[in-house]
């Protein structure tokens, strides 16, 4: 009787234990979609609160920390969507998109600068909390224009490519493209990959069409190099501003108009080169 009672008690214990395991697995699956992307955001909030309190002269390091955490946020979102850290920048053809990557990079730099300036203006010791002017951080018009140019490329690129998806390339061009990119296929004149796992960093500097698949794309190369130069310089300007400023910050660094002109010319040539045909099409019968 005692043995039967012990077995019965153990069986009763297994039920809540198995229920707990199933509940934990369900919670784990659920957090993959919505909780994990919130982790970098919570970390950013902590940095923006702790930094001004304990590192009043560490504005530059706080800015870099927020910038890294925003990059981590993009990586977590990309992992949740496409199971890859770069997944947020993979387009509907399973290729890594230069226009998406540069738009994300500009967004991260400007948001990191804006959040850091606002946090130090509001929370640094000695701030007059009776005034809301401490949170008035101006984004210069030239910077907004630069971000607008980047956003224009982000919108215009898929629109231009969609026009080429309706055209039929020569069969020989398709065969050559598939030989250069094993496992790839085509949607009209555009090359596509079978899954997001096949997206490559080489997509940032190689052609989108079957006619120039796997070949260097001068429009993309120019755009990537100029973006790296301008974005790197502006990130350095923002960091130097935080390092050498002790009082309230009323504006992000102003960029020269030549900076904006160079960016505009770069994006215009990038879009023009993308719109130009690079693949021979089948003659109408």
Protein backbone atom coordinates (compact mmCIF):
# COMPACT_ATOMS: atom_id res chain seq x y z
CA UNK A 1 0.00 0.00 0.00
CA UNK A 2 2.81 2.37 0.86
CA UNK A 3 4.57 1.57 -2.39
CA UNK A 4 1.38 2.15 -4.40
CA UNK A 5 0.83 5.46 -2.63
CA UNK A 6 4.35 6.64 -3.40
CA UNK A 7 3.96 5.73 -7.10
CA UNK A 8 0.67 7.59 -7.20
CA UNK A 9 2.25 10.67 -5.63
CA UNK A 10 5.14 10.60 -8.12
CA UNK A 11 2.70 10.32 -11.01
CA UNK A 12 0.80 13.31 -9.69
CA UNK A 13 4.05 15.27 -9.57
CA UNK A 14 4.81 14.52 -13.19
CA UNK A 15 1.68 16.27 -14.42
CA UNK A 16 2.52 19.80 -13.24
CA UNK A 17 6.16 19.20 -14.19
CA UNK A 18 5.26 18.37 -17.80
CA UNK A 19 2.82 21.27 -17.89
CA UNK A 20 5.62 23.58 -16.72
CA UNK A 21 7.96 22.31 -19.44
CA UNK A 22 5.33 22.82 -22.15
CA UNK A 23 4.53 26.30 -20.84
CA UNK A 24 8.24 27.19 -20.79
CA UNK A 25 8.71 26.01 -24.37
CA UNK A 26 5.68 28.01 -25.46
CA UNK A 27 7.01 31.10 -23.67
CA UNK A 28 10.41 30.63 -25.27
CA UNK A 29 8.88 30.42 -28.74
CA UNK A 30 6.76 33.51 -28.07
CA UNK A 31 9.68 35.59 -26.79
CA UNK A 32 11.60 34.86 -29.98
CA UNK A 33 9.18 37.06 -31.88
CA UNK A 34 8.60 40.02 -29.54
CA UNK A 35 10.69 40.01 -26.37
CA UNK A 36 14.19 39.67 -27.78
CA UNK A 37 13.99 42.79 -29.97
CA UNK A 38 13.05 44.72 -26.82
CA UNK A 39 16.28 43.79 -25.01
CA UNK A 40 18.55 46.29 -26.85
CA UNK A 41 15.90 49.00 -26.39
CA UNK A 42 15.83 48.39 -22.63
CA UNK A 43 19.64 48.48 -22.60
CA UNK A 44 19.58 51.82 -24.45
CA UNK A 45 17.17 53.26 -21.87
CA UNK A 46 19.48 52.12 -19.06
CA UNK A 47 22.55 53.65 -20.74
CA UNK A 48 20.74 56.96 -21.29
CA UNK A 49 19.74 57.11 -17.62
CA UNK A 50 22.97 55.84 -16.05
CA UNK A 51 25.35 57.72 -18.37
CA UNK A 52 24.39 61.31 -17.41
CA UNK A 53 24.23 60.41 -13.71
CA UNK A 54 27.56 58.60 -13.33
CA UNK A 55 29.51 59.71 -16.43
CA UNK A 56 28.72 63.43 -16.79
CA UNK A 57 31.88 63.86 -18.87
CA UNK A 58 31.46 60.63 -20.81
CA UNK A 59 29.03 61.88 -23.43
CA UNK A 60 31.12 60.54 -26.30
CA UNK A 61 31.22 57.04 -24.84
CA UNK A 62 27.48 57.14 -24.15
CA UNK A 63 26.85 58.11 -27.77
CA UNK A 64 28.99 55.22 -29.03
CA UNK A 65 27.27 52.83 -26.62
CA UNK A 66 23.80 53.84 -27.83
CA UNK A 67 25.00 53.54 -31.44
CA UNK A 68 26.27 50.00 -30.85
CA UNK A 69 23.01 49.03 -29.13
CA UNK A 70 20.97 50.40 -32.05
CA UNK A 71 23.08 48.26 -34.37
CA UNK A 72 22.33 45.32 -32.06
CA UNK A 73 18.62 46.14 -32.33
CA UNK A 74 18.81 45.90 -36.12
CA UNK A 75 20.67 42.59 -35.74
CA UNK A 76 18.06 41.15 -33.37
CA UNK A 77 15.22 42.23 -35.67
CA UNK A 78 17.03 40.69 -38.63
CA UNK A 79 17.50 37.46 -36.70
CA UNK A 80 13.82 37.35 -35.78
CA UNK A 81 12.77 37.91 -39.41
CA UNK A 82 15.33 35.97 -41.45
CA UNK A 83 17.39 34.06 -38.87
CA UNK A 84 20.42 36.19 -39.73
CA UNK A 85 21.89 39.29 -38.03
CA UNK A 86 21.78 41.10 -41.39
CA UNK A 87 18.22 39.93 -42.02
CA UNK A 88 16.72 43.41 -41.63
CA UNK A 89 18.59 44.50 -44.76
CA UNK A 90 17.68 41.54 -46.99
CA UNK A 91 15.17 42.38 -49.72
CA UNK A 92 12.37 40.32 -51.27
CA UNK A 93 14.84 38.72 -53.69
CA UNK A 94 16.86 37.36 -50.75
CA UNK A 95 19.74 39.70 -51.56
CA UNK A 96 21.47 42.14 -49.24
CA UNK A 97 20.21 45.65 -50.08
CA UNK A 98 22.63 48.59 -50.14
CA UNK A 99 19.80 51.15 -49.96
CA UNK A 100 18.33 49.46 -46.87
CA UNK A 101 21.73 49.22 -45.18
CA UNK A 102 22.65 52.88 -45.68
CA UNK A 103 19.19 54.08 -44.57
CA UNK A 104 19.52 51.99 -41.42
CA UNK A 105 23.03 53.32 -40.76
CA UNK A 106 21.98 56.98 -41.07
CA UNK A 107 18.97 56.35 -38.84
CA UNK A 108 21.15 54.76 -36.15
CA UNK A 109 23.70 57.61 -36.11
CA UNK A 110 21.11 60.41 -35.97
CA UNK A 111 18.94 58.69 -33.36
CA UNK A 112 21.97 57.90 -31.18
CA UNK A 113 23.10 61.53 -31.32
CA UNK A 114 19.64 62.91 -30.67
CA UNK A 115 18.93 60.55 -27.75
CA UNK A 116 22.33 61.16 -26.12
CA UNK A 117 22.00 64.95 -26.38
CA UNK A 118 18.46 64.92 -24.94
CA UNK A 119 19.45 62.58 -22.10
CA UNK A 120 22.42 64.70 -21.01
CA UNK A 121 20.46 67.93 -21.33
CA UNK A 122 17.70 66.55 -19.11
CA UNK A 123 19.56 64.39 -16.58
CA UNK A 124 23.00 65.91 -16.10
CA UNK A 125 23.44 67.36 -12.58
CA UNK A 126 22.51 71.05 -12.37
CA UNK A 127 19.91 70.99 -15.13
CA UNK A 128 16.95 73.33 -14.61
CA UNK A 129 14.04 70.88 -14.76
CA UNK A 130 11.46 73.68 -14.69
CA UNK A 131 12.27 74.41 -18.32
CA UNK A 132 11.60 72.07 -21.23
CA UNK A 133 14.16 73.82 -23.44
CA UNK A 134 16.75 71.28 -22.28
CA UNK A 135 15.08 68.73 -24.53
CA UNK A 136 14.94 70.99 -27.59
CA UNK A 137 17.70 69.50 -29.74
CA UNK A 138 17.65 70.83 -33.29
CA UNK A 139 18.31 68.55 -36.25
CA UNK A 140 19.92 70.79 -38.89
CA UNK A 141 18.08 71.18 -42.18
CA UNK A 142 21.09 69.88 -44.12
CA UNK A 143 21.07 66.70 -42.07
CA UNK A 144 17.35 66.22 -42.67
CA UNK A 145 17.96 66.72 -46.38
CA UNK A 146 20.73 64.10 -46.33
CA UNK A 147 18.41 61.62 -44.62
CA UNK A 148 15.69 62.48 -47.14
CA UNK A 149 18.07 61.66 -50.01
CA UNK A 150 18.82 58.30 -48.41
CA UNK A 151 15.10 57.62 -47.93
CA UNK A 152 14.46 58.49 -51.57
CA UNK A 153 16.90 55.80 -52.70
CA UNK A 154 15.27 53.36 -50.29
CA UNK A 155 11.87 53.95 -51.94
CA UNK A 156 13.02 54.37 -55.54
CA UNK A 157 15.26 51.28 -55.71
CA UNK A 158 12.50 48.61 -55.50
CA UNK A 159 10.33 50.68 -57.84
CA UNK A 160 13.04 50.71 -60.51
CA UNK A 161 13.79 47.02 -60.07
CA UNK A 162 10.12 46.06 -60.31
CA UNK A 163 10.06 47.39 -63.87
CA UNK A 164 12.81 44.94 -64.86
CA UNK A 165 11.02 42.00 -63.27
CA UNK A 166 8.40 42.15 -66.03
CA UNK A 167 10.96 41.83 -68.86
CA UNK A 168 12.17 38.53 -70.32
CA UNK A 169 15.96 38.12 -70.61
CA UNK A 170 17.81 36.00 -73.14
CA UNK A 171 18.05 32.36 -72.11
CA UNK A 172 21.82 32.48 -72.57
CA UNK A 173 22.07 35.36 -70.08
CA UNK A 174 20.10 33.36 -67.51
CA UNK A 175 22.38 30.34 -68.00
CA UNK A 176 25.50 32.49 -67.56
CA UNK A 177 24.10 34.12 -64.41
CA UNK A 178 23.25 30.77 -62.83
CA UNK A 179 26.78 29.55 -63.60
CA UNK A 180 28.24 32.59 -61.80
CA UNK A 181 25.80 32.32 -58.88
CA UNK A 182 25.06 28.62 -58.27
CA UNK A 183 21.62 28.06 -56.77
CA UNK A 184 20.26 31.39 -57.97
CA UNK A 185 17.24 31.91 -60.21
CA UNK A 186 15.68 34.85 -62.00
CA UNK A 187 12.54 36.94 -61.79
CA UNK A 188 12.43 38.55 -65.20
CA UNK A 189 15.79 40.26 -65.67
CA UNK A 190 16.54 40.22 -61.92
CA UNK A 191 18.60 37.60 -60.12
CA UNK A 192 17.11 36.07 -57.00
CA UNK A 193 18.38 33.70 -54.34
CA UNK A 194 16.47 30.72 -53.01
CA UNK A 195 16.50 31.83 -49.35
CA UNK A 196 17.70 34.56 -47.03
CA UNK A 197 20.48 32.24 -45.88
CA UNK A 198 22.08 32.70 -49.32
CA UNK A 199 22.29 36.50 -49.08
CA UNK A 200 25.89 37.64 -49.31
CA UNK A 201 27.88 40.78 -48.55
CA UNK A 202 28.96 40.67 -52.19
CA UNK A 203 25.39 41.69 -53.08
CA UNK A 204 26.34 45.22 -51.97
CA UNK A 205 28.80 45.65 -54.84
CA UNK A 206 27.59 43.27 -57.59
CA UNK A 207 24.88 43.59 -60.23
CA UNK A 208 21.17 42.92 -59.72
CA UNK A 209 20.39 41.64 -63.22
CA UNK A 210 21.20 38.37 -64.94
CA UNK A 211 23.29 40.36 -67.42
CA UNK A 212 25.72 41.59 -64.73
CA UNK A 213 25.20 38.96 -62.04
CA UNK A 214 28.36 38.34 -60.04
CA UNK A 215 30.10 41.26 -61.77
CA UNK A 216 31.20 44.50 -60.09
CA UNK A 217 28.49 47.18 -60.16
CA UNK A 218 30.22 50.58 -60.40
CA UNK A 219 27.08 52.39 -59.26
CA UNK A 220 26.95 50.35 -56.06
CA UNK A 221 30.70 50.55 -55.44
CA UNK A 222 30.69 54.35 -55.75
CA UNK A 223 27.62 54.60 -53.52
CA UNK A 224 29.10 52.30 -50.86
CA UNK A 225 32.44 54.16 -50.73
CA UNK A 226 30.88 57.63 -50.56
CA UNK A 227 28.39 56.49 -47.92
CA UNK A 228 31.20 55.04 -45.78
CA UNK A 229 33.18 58.28 -46.12
CA UNK A 230 30.32 60.66 -45.34
CA UNK A 231 28.75 58.54 -42.62
CA UNK A 232 32.12 57.93 -40.96
CA UNK A 233 32.96 61.64 -41.02
CA UNK A 234 29.62 62.66 -39.55
CA UNK A 235 29.82 60.02 -36.83
CA UNK A 236 33.22 61.45 -35.92
CA UNK A 237 31.78 64.99 -35.87
CA UNK A 238 29.03 63.92 -33.48
CA UNK A 239 31.50 62.15 -31.20
CA UNK A 240 33.83 65.17 -31.11
CA UNK A 241 30.89 67.45 -30.31
CA UNK A 242 29.99 65.34 -27.27
CA UNK A 243 33.61 65.10 -26.11
CA UNK A 244 34.28 68.84 -26.27
CA UNK A 245 30.89 70.15 -25.07
CA UNK A 246 30.22 70.55 -21.35
CA UNK A 247 26.98 72.56 -21.30
CA UNK A 248 23.56 71.85 -22.80
CA UNK A 249 23.50 70.73 -26.41
CA UNK A 250 21.05 72.62 -28.57
CA UNK A 251 21.77 71.10 -31.98
CA UNK A 252 23.44 68.22 -33.72
CA UNK A 253 26.49 69.11 -35.84
CA UNK A 254 25.67 71.07 -38.97
CA UNK A 255 26.97 69.52 -42.17
CA UNK A 256 28.31 71.56 -45.05
CA UNK A 257 26.17 71.99 -48.16
CA UNK A 258 28.91 70.40 -50.27
CA UNK A 259 28.43 67.31 -48.11
CA UNK A 260 24.77 67.20 -49.15
CA UNK A 261 25.60 67.90 -52.80
CA UNK A 262 28.09 65.01 -52.87
CA UNK A 263 25.53 62.72 -51.31
CA UNK A 264 22.83 63.83 -53.73
CA UNK A 265 25.07 63.31 -56.78
CA UNK A 266 26.07 59.88 -55.47
CA UNK A 267 22.48 58.75 -55.00
CA UNK A 268 21.39 60.19 -58.35
CA UNK A 269 24.13 58.31 -60.23
CA UNK A 270 23.34 55.18 -58.21
CA UNK A 271 19.68 55.26 -59.23
CA UNK A 272 20.47 56.19 -62.85
CA UNK A 273 22.89 53.28 -63.15
CA UNK A 274 20.31 50.95 -61.60
CA UNK A 275 17.64 52.12 -64.05
CA UNK A 276 19.91 51.58 -67.06
CA UNK A 277 19.52 48.20 -68.85
CA UNK A 278 22.28 45.66 -68.27
CA UNK A 279 20.63 42.61 -69.81
CA UNK A 280 19.56 41.80 -73.34
CA UNK A 281 15.89 40.91 -73.65
CA UNK A 282 14.08 38.45 -75.87
CA UNK A 283 12.86 39.96 -79.11
CA UNK A 284 9.06 40.01 -79.38
CA UNK A 285 7.84 37.26 -81.69
